[in-house]
Amino acid sequence: MIAALYFALIYAPADSLQGAYYRILYFHVPQGTLSYVFVILLGFGSIMYLIKGDMKWDRFGESAAEVGLLVGSMSIISGMIWAKPVWGVYWAWDAR
């Protein structure tokens, strides 16, 4: 993690259009990807609970939902932080 922080925040050169603001994408994109992974795990745990009826699958799905909510929220917040200096607004309702 220390090496990843070094490469993302110090070693990576500034972008010609966005400057240093693009570096937040090194955190934003993996968080968005992880949120999708946890939604898939939630679905898997829910299906297994319906098939087997074992409470461990229900707890597995609940845990996946909690962590997925956390990383999904962090992805949305980091996207808003990136959008303010680049687009001029925190949230735009148009597809770019």
PDB file of N, CA and C in Angstrom:
ATOM      1  N   MET A   1       0.814  -1.185   0.000  1.00  0.00           N
ATOM      2  CA  MET A   1       0.000   0.000   0.000  1.00  0.00           C
ATOM      3  C   MET A   1       0.862   1.254   0.000  1.00  0.00           C
ATOM      4  N   ILE A   2       1.954   1.214   0.709  1.00  0.00           N
ATOM      5  CA  ILE A   2       2.848   2.369   0.741  1.00  0.00           C
ATOM      6  C   ILE A   2       3.434   2.619  -0.642  1.00  0.00           C
ATOM      7  N   ALA A   3       3.806   1.551  -1.325  1.00  0.00           N
ATOM      8  CA  ALA A   3       4.340   1.707  -2.678  1.00  0.00           C
ATOM      9  C   ALA A   3       3.271   2.255  -3.628  1.00  0.00           C
ATOM     10  N   ALA A   4       2.049   1.787  -3.490  1.00  0.00           N
ATOM     11  CA  ALA A   4       0.968   2.278  -4.345  1.00  0.00           C
ATOM     12  C   ALA A   4       0.697   3.757  -4.091  1.00  0.00           C
ATOM     13  N   LEU A   5       0.709   4.169  -2.822  1.00  0.00           N
ATOM     14  CA  LEU A   5       0.531   5.582  -2.507  1.00  0.00           C
ATOM     15  C   LEU A   5       1.668   6.431  -3.070  1.00  0.00           C
ATOM     16  N   TYR A   6       2.882   5.924  -2.980  1.00  0.00           N
ATOM     17  CA  TYR A   6       4.022   6.663  -3.531  1.00  0.00           C
ATOM     18  C   TYR A   6       3.874   6.852  -5.037  1.00  0.00           C
ATOM     19  N   PHE A   7       3.581   5.767  -5.746  1.00  0.00           N
ATOM     20  CA  PHE A   7       3.462   5.862  -7.196  1.00  0.00           C
ATOM     21  C   PHE A   7       2.273   6.717  -7.624  1.00  0.00           C
ATOM     22  N   ALA A   8       1.178   6.656  -6.887  1.00  0.00           N
ATOM     23  CA  ALA A   8      -0.018   7.418  -7.265  1.00  0.00           C
ATOM     24  C   ALA A   8       0.121   8.898  -6.949  1.00  0.00           C
ATOM     25  N   LEU A   9       0.701   9.235  -5.812  1.00  0.00           N
ATOM     26  CA  LEU A   9       0.704  10.624  -5.373  1.00  0.00           C
ATOM     27  C   LEU A   9       1.995  11.384  -5.663  1.00  0.00           C
ATOM     28  N   ILE A  10       3.116  10.686  -5.817  1.00  0.00           N
ATOM     29  CA  ILE A  10       4.396  11.374  -5.984  1.00  0.00           C
ATOM     30  C   ILE A  10       5.038  11.065  -7.339  1.00  0.00           C
ATOM     31  N   TYR A  11       5.120   9.789  -7.701  1.00  0.00           N
ATOM     32  CA  TYR A  11       5.856   9.384  -8.892  1.00  0.00           C
ATOM     33  C   TYR A  11       5.113   9.706 -10.190  1.00  0.00           C
ATOM     34  N   ALA A  12       3.812   9.565 -10.204  1.00  0.00           N
ATOM     35  CA  ALA A  12       3.040   9.786 -11.431  1.00  0.00           C
ATOM     36  C   ALA A  12       3.128  11.258 -11.847  1.00  0.00           C
ATOM     37  N   PRO A  13       3.443  11.514 -13.118  1.00  0.00           N
ATOM     38  CA  PRO A  13       3.549  12.907 -13.563  1.00  0.00           C
ATOM     39  C   PRO A  13       2.174  13.558 -13.670  1.00  0.00           C
ATOM     40  N   ALA A  14       2.163  14.865 -13.674  1.00  0.00           N
ATOM     41  CA  ALA A  14       0.915  15.609 -13.799  1.00  0.00           C
ATOM     42  C   ALA A  14       0.365  15.468 -15.214  1.00  0.00           C
ATOM     43  N   ASP A  15      -0.946  15.410 -15.342  1.00  0.00           N
ATOM     44  CA  ASP A  15      -1.606  15.309 -16.630  1.00  0.00           C
ATOM     45  C   ASP A  15      -1.576  16.669 -17.325  1.00  0.00           C
ATOM     46  N   SER A  16      -1.528  16.669 -18.657  1.00  0.00           N
ATOM     47  CA  SER A  16      -1.436  17.938 -19.383  1.00  0.00           C
ATOM     48  C   SER A  16      -2.732  18.737 -19.308  1.00  0.00           C
ATOM     49  N   LEU A  17      -3.885  18.089 -19.158  1.00  0.00           N
ATOM     50  CA  LEU A  17      -5.160  18.807 -19.107  1.00  0.00           C
ATOM     51  C   LEU A  17      -5.691  18.985 -17.689  1.00  0.00           C
ATOM     52  N   GLN A  18      -5.551  17.969 -16.852  1.00  0.00           N
ATOM     53  CA  GLN A  18      -6.153  18.006 -15.520  1.00  0.00           C
ATOM     54  C   GLN A  18      -5.166  18.347 -14.414  1.00  0.00           C
ATOM     55  N   GLY A  19      -3.890  18.383 -14.723  1.00  0.00           N
ATOM     56  CA  GLY A  19      -2.894  18.654 -13.684  1.00  0.00           C
ATOM     57  C   GLY A  19      -2.792  17.488 -12.716  1.00  0.00           C
ATOM     58  N   ALA A  20      -2.717  17.803 -11.445  1.00  0.00           N
ATOM     59  CA  ALA A  20      -2.574  16.771 -10.416  1.00  0.00           C
ATOM     60  C   ALA A  20      -3.904  16.160 -10.016  1.00  0.00           C
ATOM     61  N   TYR A  21      -5.019  16.732 -10.492  1.00  0.00           N
ATOM     62  CA  TYR A  21      -6.333  16.243 -10.059  1.00  0.00           C
ATOM     63  C   TYR A  21      -6.646  14.835 -10.567  1.00  0.00           C
ATOM     64  N   TYR A  22      -6.019  14.423 -11.647  1.00  0.00           N
ATOM     65  CA  TYR A  22      -6.336  13.099 -12.179  1.00  0.00           C
ATOM     66  C   TYR A  22      -5.841  11.983 -11.275  1.00  0.00           C
ATOM     67  N   ARG A  23      -4.946  12.285 -10.360  1.00  0.00           N
ATOM     68  CA  ARG A  23      -4.385  11.243  -9.496  1.00  0.00           C
ATOM     69  C   ARG A  23      -5.423  10.601  -8.594  1.00  0.00           C
ATOM     70  N   ILE A  24      -6.523  11.281  -8.350  1.00  0.00           N
ATOM     71  CA  ILE A  24      -7.577  10.687  -7.528  1.00  0.00           C
ATOM     72  C   ILE A  24      -8.212   9.498  -8.244  1.00  0.00           C
ATOM     73  N   LEU A  25      -8.057   9.430  -9.565  1.00  0.00           N
ATOM     74  CA  LEU A  25      -8.613   8.298 -10.308  1.00  0.00           C
ATOM     75  C   LEU A  25      -7.925   6.988  -9.943  1.00  0.00           C
ATOM     76  N   TYR A  26      -6.699   7.060  -9.406  1.00  0.00           N
ATOM     77  CA  TYR A  26      -6.017   5.852  -8.948  1.00  0.00           C
ATOM     78  C   TYR A  26      -6.746   5.224  -7.755  1.00  0.00           C
ATOM     79  N   PHE A  27      -7.570   5.985  -7.075  1.00  0.00           N
ATOM     80  CA  PHE A  27      -8.358   5.469  -5.956  1.00  0.00           C
ATOM     81  C   PHE A  27      -9.817   5.287  -6.352  1.00  0.00           C
ATOM     82  N   HIS A  28     -10.321   6.169  -7.191  1.00  0.00           N
ATOM     83  CA  HIS A  28     -11.736   6.159  -7.575  1.00  0.00           C
ATOM     84  C   HIS A  28     -12.100   4.905  -8.381  1.00  0.00           C
ATOM     85  N   VAL A  29     -11.332   4.575  -9.372  1.00  0.00           N
ATOM     86  CA  VAL A  29     -11.657   3.436 -10.241  1.00  0.00           C
ATOM     87  C   VAL A  29     -11.596   2.097  -9.501  1.00  0.00           C
ATOM     88  N   PRO A  30     -10.548   1.803  -8.709  1.00  0.00           N
ATOM     89  CA  PRO A  30     -10.569   0.539  -7.964  1.00  0.00           C
ATOM     90  C   PRO A  30     -11.720   0.436  -6.961  1.00  0.00           C
ATOM     91  N   GLN A  31     -12.108   1.556  -6.353  1.00  0.00           N
ATOM     92  CA  GLN A  31     -13.230   1.515  -5.422  1.00  0.00           C
ATOM     93  C   GLN A  31     -14.523   1.198  -6.157  1.00  0.00           C
ATOM     94  N   GLY A  32     -14.712   1.763  -7.336  1.00  0.00           N
ATOM     95  CA  GLY A  32     -15.897   1.439  -8.129  1.00  0.00           C
ATOM     96  C   GLY A  32     -15.920  -0.015  -8.541  1.00  0.00           C
ATOM     97  N   THR A  33     -14.760  -0.537  -8.935  1.00  0.00           N
ATOM     98  CA  THR A  33     -14.670  -1.942  -9.308  1.00  0.00           C
ATOM     99  C   THR A  33     -14.969  -2.848  -8.112  1.00  0.00           C
ATOM    100  N   LEU A  34     -14.426  -2.497  -6.964  1.00  0.00           N
ATOM    101  CA  LEU A  34     -14.696  -3.288  -5.759  1.00  0.00           C
ATOM    102  C   LEU A  34     -16.166  -3.264  -5.380  1.00  0.00           C
ATOM    103  N   SER A  35     -16.837  -2.141  -5.609  1.00  0.00           N
ATOM    104  CA  SER A  35     -18.265  -2.094  -5.278  1.00  0.00           C
ATOM    105  C   SER A  35     -19.044  -3.090  -6.133  1.00  0.00           C
ATOM    106  N   TYR A  36     -18.667  -3.235  -7.402  1.00  0.00           N
ATOM    107  CA  TYR A  36     -19.320  -4.241  -8.247  1.00  0.00           C
ATOM    108  C   TYR A  36     -19.005  -5.656  -7.772  1.00  0.00           C
ATOM    109  N   VAL A  37     -17.776  -5.891  -7.344  1.00  0.00           N
ATOM    110  CA  VAL A  37     -17.406  -7.225  -6.843  1.00  0.00           C
ATOM    111  C   VAL A  37     -18.249  -7.584  -5.625  1.00  0.00           C
ATOM    112  N   PHE A  38     -18.437  -6.632  -4.722  1.00  0.00           N
ATOM    113  CA  PHE A  38     -19.214  -6.922  -3.520  1.00  0.00           C
ATOM    114  C   PHE A  38     -20.700  -7.084  -3.817  1.00  0.00           C
ATOM    115  N   VAL A  39     -21.206  -6.425  -4.849  1.00  0.00           N
ATOM    116  CA  VAL A  39     -22.602  -6.660  -5.245  1.00  0.00           C
ATOM    117  C   VAL A  39     -22.757  -8.079  -5.783  1.00  0.00           C
ATOM    118  N   ILE A  40     -21.776  -8.548  -6.546  1.00  0.00           N
ATOM    119  CA  ILE A  40     -21.815  -9.929  -7.049  1.00  0.00           C
ATOM    120  C   ILE A  40     -21.748 -10.914  -5.878  1.00  0.00           C
ATOM    121  N   LEU A  41     -20.872 -10.634  -4.897  1.00  0.00           N
ATOM    122  CA  LEU A  41     -20.793 -11.508  -3.720  1.00  0.00           C
ATOM    123  C   LEU A  41     -22.090 -11.489  -2.921  1.00  0.00           C
ATOM    124  N   LEU A  42     -22.731 -10.341  -2.826  1.00  0.00           N
ATOM    125  CA  LEU A  42     -24.031 -10.250  -2.154  1.00  0.00           C
ATOM    126  C   LEU A  42     -25.063 -11.118  -2.872  1.00  0.00           C
ATOM    127  N   GLY A  43     -25.095 -11.042  -4.183  1.00  0.00           N
ATOM    128  CA  GLY A  43     -26.025 -11.876  -4.939  1.00  0.00           C
ATOM    129  C   GLY A  43     -25.744 -13.356  -4.760  1.00  0.00           C
ATOM    130  N   PHE A  44     -24.458 -13.730  -4.768  1.00  0.00           N
ATOM    131  CA  PHE A  44     -24.092 -15.129  -4.573  1.00  0.00           C
ATOM    132  C   PHE A  44     -24.510 -15.617  -3.191  1.00  0.00           C
ATOM    133  N   GLY A  45     -24.231 -14.808  -2.166  1.00  0.00           N
ATOM    134  CA  GLY A  45     -24.622 -15.194  -0.813  1.00  0.00           C
ATOM    135  C   GLY A  45     -26.126 -15.308  -0.661  1.00  0.00           C
ATOM    136  N   SER A  46     -26.874 -14.422  -1.314  1.00  0.00           N
ATOM    137  CA  SER A  46     -28.336 -14.477  -1.232  1.00  0.00           C
ATOM    138  C   SER A  46     -28.889 -15.713  -1.913  1.00  0.00           C
ATOM    139  N   ILE A  47     -28.345 -16.042  -3.076  1.00  0.00           N
ATOM    140  CA  ILE A  47     -28.803 -17.244  -3.785  1.00  0.00           C
ATOM    141  C   ILE A  47     -28.480 -18.492  -2.978  1.00  0.00           C
ATOM    142  N   MET A  48     -27.280 -18.546  -2.398  1.00  0.00           N
ATOM    143  CA  MET A  48     -26.907 -19.709  -1.597  1.00  0.00           C
ATOM    144  C   MET A  48     -27.784 -19.827  -0.349  1.00  0.00           C
ATOM    145  N   TYR A  49     -28.184 -18.692   0.223  1.00  0.00           N
ATOM    146  CA  TYR A  49     -29.082 -18.745   1.381  1.00  0.00           C
ATOM    147  C   TYR A  49     -30.453 -19.280   0.968  1.00  0.00           C
ATOM    148  N   LEU A  50     -30.923 -18.873  -0.196  1.00  0.00           N
ATOM    149  CA  LEU A  50     -32.220 -19.378  -0.660  1.00  0.00           C
ATOM    150  C   LEU A  50     -32.160 -20.872  -0.975  1.00  0.00           C
ATOM    151  N   ILE A  51     -31.034 -21.331  -1.475  1.00  0.00           N
ATOM    152  CA  ILE A  51     -30.895 -22.754  -1.819  1.00  0.00           C
ATOM    153  C   ILE A  51     -30.709 -23.603  -0.565  1.00  0.00           C
ATOM    154  N   LYS A  52     -29.745 -23.218   0.280  1.00  0.00           N
ATOM    155  CA  LYS A  52     -29.372 -24.049   1.429  1.00  0.00           C
ATOM    156  C   LYS A  52     -30.152 -23.723   2.703  1.00  0.00           C
ATOM    157  N   GLY A  53     -30.562 -22.475   2.883  1.00  0.00           N
ATOM    158  CA  GLY A  53     -31.255 -22.084   4.103  1.00  0.00           C
ATOM    159  C   GLY A  53     -30.336 -21.939   5.302  1.00  0.00           C
ATOM    160  N   ASP A  54     -29.022 -21.950   5.082  1.00  0.00           N
ATOM    161  CA  ASP A  54     -28.049 -21.837   6.163  1.00  0.00           C
ATOM    162  C   ASP A  54     -27.779 -20.359   6.448  1.00  0.00           C
ATOM    163  N   MET A  55     -27.804 -19.985   7.724  1.00  0.00           N
ATOM    164  CA  MET A  55     -27.640 -18.586   8.101  1.00  0.00           C
ATOM    165  C   MET A  55     -26.250 -18.035   7.810  1.00  0.00           C
ATOM    166  N   LYS A  56     -25.255 -18.908   7.614  1.00  0.00           N
ATOM    167  CA  LYS A  56     -23.920 -18.391   7.311  1.00  0.00           C
ATOM    168  C   LYS A  56     -23.910 -17.670   5.967  1.00  0.00           C
ATOM    169  N   TRP A  57     -24.738 -18.118   5.026  1.00  0.00           N
ATOM    170  CA  TRP A  57     -24.817 -17.428   3.736  1.00  0.00           C
ATOM    171  C   TRP A  57     -25.534 -16.088   3.863  1.00  0.00           C
ATOM    172  N   ASP A  58     -26.490 -16.015   4.763  1.00  0.00           N
ATOM    173  CA  ASP A  58     -27.161 -14.739   5.008  1.00  0.00           C
ATOM    174  C   ASP A  58     -26.192 -13.742   5.636  1.00  0.00           C
ATOM    175  N   ARG A  59     -25.388 -14.193   6.575  1.00  0.00           N
ATOM    176  CA  ARG A  59     -24.381 -13.320   7.177  1.00  0.00           C
ATOM    177  C   ARG A  59     -23.317 -12.924   6.158  1.00  0.00           C
ATOM    178  N   PHE A  60     -22.951 -13.847   5.269  1.00  0.00           N
ATOM    179  CA  PHE A  60     -21.992 -13.550   4.204  1.00  0.00           C
ATOM    180  C   PHE A  60     -22.537 -12.445   3.297  1.00  0.00           C
ATOM    181  N   GLY A  61     -23.796 -12.563   2.895  1.00  0.00           N
ATOM    182  CA  GLY A  61     -24.416 -11.545   2.052  1.00  0.00           C
ATOM    183  C   GLY A  61     -24.531 -10.207   2.755  1.00  0.00           C
ATOM    184  N   GLU A  62     -24.871 -10.246   4.038  1.00  0.00           N
ATOM    185  CA  GLU A  62     -24.974  -9.005   4.811  1.00  0.00           C
ATOM    186  C   GLU A  62     -23.613  -8.322   4.910  1.00  0.00           C
ATOM    187  N   SER A  63     -22.563  -9.086   5.141  1.00  0.00           N
ATOM    188  CA  SER A  63     -21.219  -8.516   5.220  1.00  0.00           C
ATOM    189  C   SER A  63     -20.794  -7.928   3.885  1.00  0.00           C
ATOM    190  N   ALA A  64     -21.101  -8.640   2.807  1.00  0.00           N
ATOM    191  CA  ALA A  64     -20.759  -8.130   1.475  1.00  0.00           C
ATOM    192  C   ALA A  64     -21.514  -6.842   1.170  1.00  0.00           C
ATOM    193  N   ALA A  65     -22.760  -6.753   1.609  1.00  0.00           N
ATOM    194  CA  ALA A  65     -23.548  -5.537   1.391  1.00  0.00           C
ATOM    195  C   ALA A  65     -22.969  -4.356   2.159  1.00  0.00           C
ATOM    196  N   GLU A  66     -22.535  -4.586   3.388  1.00  0.00           N
ATOM    197  CA  GLU A  66     -21.975  -3.501   4.195  1.00  0.00           C
ATOM    198  C   GLU A  66     -20.678  -2.974   3.593  1.00  0.00           C
ATOM    199  N   VAL A  67     -19.783  -3.877   3.220  1.00  0.00           N
ATOM    200  CA  VAL A  67     -18.509  -3.439   2.640  1.00  0.00           C
ATOM    201  C   VAL A  67     -18.746  -2.826   1.263  1.00  0.00           C
ATOM    202  N   GLY A  68     -19.671  -3.387   0.493  1.00  0.00           N
ATOM    203  CA  GLY A  68     -19.996  -2.823  -0.815  1.00  0.00           C
ATOM    204  C   GLY A  68     -20.566  -1.424  -0.710  1.00  0.00           C
ATOM    205  N   LEU A  69     -21.382  -1.183   0.305  1.00  0.00           N
ATOM    206  CA  LEU A  69     -21.905   0.162   0.531  1.00  0.00           C
ATOM    207  C   LEU A  69     -20.783   1.131   0.881  1.00  0.00           C
ATOM    208  N   LEU A  70     -19.835   0.691   1.675  1.00  0.00           N
ATOM    209  CA  LEU A  70     -18.714   1.541   2.058  1.00  0.00           C
ATOM    210  C   LEU A  70     -17.861   1.911   0.845  1.00  0.00           C
ATOM    211  N   VAL A  71     -17.414   0.923   0.067  1.00  0.00           N
ATOM    212  CA  VAL A  71     -16.543   1.243  -1.072  1.00  0.00           C
ATOM    213  C   VAL A  71     -17.320   1.945  -2.181  1.00  0.00           C
ATOM    214  N   GLY A  72     -18.589   1.647  -2.346  1.00  0.00           N
ATOM    215  CA  GLY A  72     -19.399   2.362  -3.335  1.00  0.00           C
ATOM    216  C   GLY A  72     -19.563   3.824  -2.964  1.00  0.00           C
ATOM    217  N   SER A  73     -19.779   4.104  -1.679  1.00  0.00           N
ATOM    218  CA  SER A  73     -19.884   5.489  -1.213  1.00  0.00           C
ATOM    219  C   SER A  73     -18.563   6.223  -1.382  1.00  0.00           C
ATOM    220  N   MET A  74     -17.462   5.546  -1.081  1.00  0.00           N
ATOM    221  CA  MET A  74     -16.159   6.176  -1.264  1.00  0.00           C
ATOM    222  C   MET A  74     -15.881   6.453  -2.736  1.00  0.00           C
ATOM    223  N   SER A  75     -16.356   5.581  -3.612  1.00  0.00           N
ATOM    224  CA  SER A  75     -16.190   5.806  -5.043  1.00  0.00           C
ATOM    225  C   SER A  75     -16.979   7.032  -5.508  1.00  0.00           C
ATOM    226  N   ILE A  76     -18.197   7.167  -5.045  1.00  0.00           N
ATOM    227  CA  ILE A  76     -19.014   8.323  -5.422  1.00  0.00           C
ATOM    228  C   ILE A  76     -18.407   9.611  -4.870  1.00  0.00           C
ATOM    229  N   ILE A  77     -17.949   9.583  -3.633  1.00  0.00           N
ATOM    230  CA  ILE A  77     -17.360  10.787  -3.026  1.00  0.00           C
ATOM    231  C   ILE A  77     -16.065  11.171  -3.730  1.00  0.00           C
ATOM    232  N   SER A  78     -15.202  10.196  -4.025  1.00  0.00           N
ATOM    233  CA  SER A  78     -13.957  10.528  -4.714  1.00  0.00           C
ATOM    234  C   SER A  78     -14.227  11.016  -6.138  1.00  0.00           C
ATOM    235  N   GLY A  79     -15.267  10.499  -6.778  1.00  0.00           N
ATOM    236  CA  GLY A  79     -15.642  11.005  -8.095  1.00  0.00           C
ATOM    237  C   GLY A  79     -16.120  12.438  -8.036  1.00  0.00           C
ATOM    238  N   MET A  80     -16.855  12.781  -6.981  1.00  0.00           N
ATOM    239  CA  MET A  80     -17.310  14.161  -6.822  1.00  0.00           C
ATOM    240  C   MET A  80     -16.142  15.100  -6.535  1.00  0.00           C
ATOM    241  N   ILE A  81     -15.181  14.647  -5.738  1.00  0.00           N
ATOM    242  CA  ILE A  81     -14.007  15.457  -5.448  1.00  0.00           C
ATOM    243  C   ILE A  81     -13.214  15.706  -6.731  1.00  0.00           C
ATOM    244  N   TRP A  82     -13.100  14.700  -7.596  1.00  0.00           N
ATOM    245  CA  TRP A  82     -12.403  14.857  -8.871  1.00  0.00           C
ATOM    246  C   TRP A  82     -13.178  15.769  -9.817  1.00  0.00           C
ATOM    247  N   ALA A  83     -14.503  15.690  -9.821  1.00  0.00           N
ATOM    248  CA  ALA A  83     -15.317  16.427 -10.791  1.00  0.00           C
ATOM    249  C   ALA A  83     -15.328  17.923 -10.533  1.00  0.00           C
ATOM    250  N   LYS A  84     -15.219  18.346  -9.291  1.00  0.00           N
ATOM    251  CA  LYS A  84     -15.312  19.780  -8.981  1.00  0.00           C
ATOM    252  C   LYS A  84     -14.238  20.593  -9.700  1.00  0.00           C
ATOM    253  N   PRO A  85     -12.949  20.271  -9.613  1.00  0.00           N
ATOM    254  CA  PRO A  85     -11.973  21.092 -10.324  1.00  0.00           C
ATOM    255  C   PRO A  85     -11.951  20.855 -11.837  1.00  0.00           C
ATOM    256  N   VAL A  86     -12.380  19.671 -12.273  1.00  0.00           N
ATOM    257  CA  VAL A  86     -12.308  19.356 -13.700  1.00  0.00           C
ATOM    258  C   VAL A  86     -13.530  19.873 -14.448  1.00  0.00           C
ATOM    259  N   TRP A  87     -14.723  19.649 -13.943  1.00  0.00           N
ATOM    260  CA  TRP A  87     -15.953  20.057 -14.607  1.00  0.00           C
ATOM    261  C   TRP A  87     -16.547  21.337 -14.048  1.00  0.00           C
ATOM    262  N   GLY A  88     -16.142  21.731 -12.853  1.00  0.00           N
ATOM    263  CA  GLY A  88     -16.669  22.939 -12.243  1.00  0.00           C
ATOM    264  C   GLY A  88     -17.857  22.715 -11.322  1.00  0.00           C
ATOM    265  N   VAL A  89     -18.378  21.505 -11.270  1.00  0.00           N
ATOM    266  CA  VAL A  89     -19.490  21.160 -10.377  1.00  0.00           C
ATOM    267  C   VAL A  89     -19.180  19.823  -9.719  1.00  0.00           C
ATOM    268  N   TYR A  90     -19.753  19.632  -8.534  1.00  0.00           N
ATOM    269  CA  TYR A  90     -19.540  18.351  -7.857  1.00  0.00           C
ATOM    270  C   TYR A  90     -20.297  17.216  -8.527  1.00  0.00           C
ATOM    271  N   TRP A  91     -21.463  17.511  -9.032  1.00  0.00           N
ATOM    272  CA  TRP A  91     -22.300  16.460  -9.613  1.00  0.00           C
ATOM    273  C   TRP A  91     -23.048  17.029 -10.796  1.00  0.00           C
ATOM    274  N   ALA A  92     -22.903  16.398 -11.935  1.00  0.00           N
ATOM    275  CA  ALA A  92     -23.638  16.824 -13.140  1.00  0.00           C
ATOM    276  C   ALA A  92     -24.521  15.655 -13.562  1.00  0.00           C
ATOM    277  N   TRP A  93     -25.773  15.953 -13.878  1.00  0.00           N
ATOM    278  CA  TRP A  93     -26.705  14.898 -14.201  1.00  0.00           C
ATOM    279  C   TRP A  93     -26.677  14.520 -15.685  1.00  0.00           C
ATOM    280  N   ASP A  94     -25.692  14.983 -16.417  1.00  0.00           N
ATOM    281  CA  ASP A  94     -25.564  14.589 -17.821  1.00  0.00           C
ATOM    282  C   ASP A  94     -24.444  13.562 -17.962  1.00  0.00           C
ATOM    283  N   ALA A  95     -24.585  12.690 -18.932  1.00  0.00           N
ATOM    284  CA  ALA A  95     -23.575  11.649 -19.157  1.00  0.00           C
ATOM    285  C   ALA A  95     -22.430  12.245 -19.946  1.00  0.00           C
ATOM    286  N   ARG A  96     -21.232  12.132 -19.411  1.00  0.00           N
ATOM    287  CA  ARG A  96     -20.059  12.664 -20.103  1.00  0.00           C
ATOM    288  C   ARG A  96     -19.160  11.535 -20.496  1.00  0.00           C
TER     289      ARG A  96
END
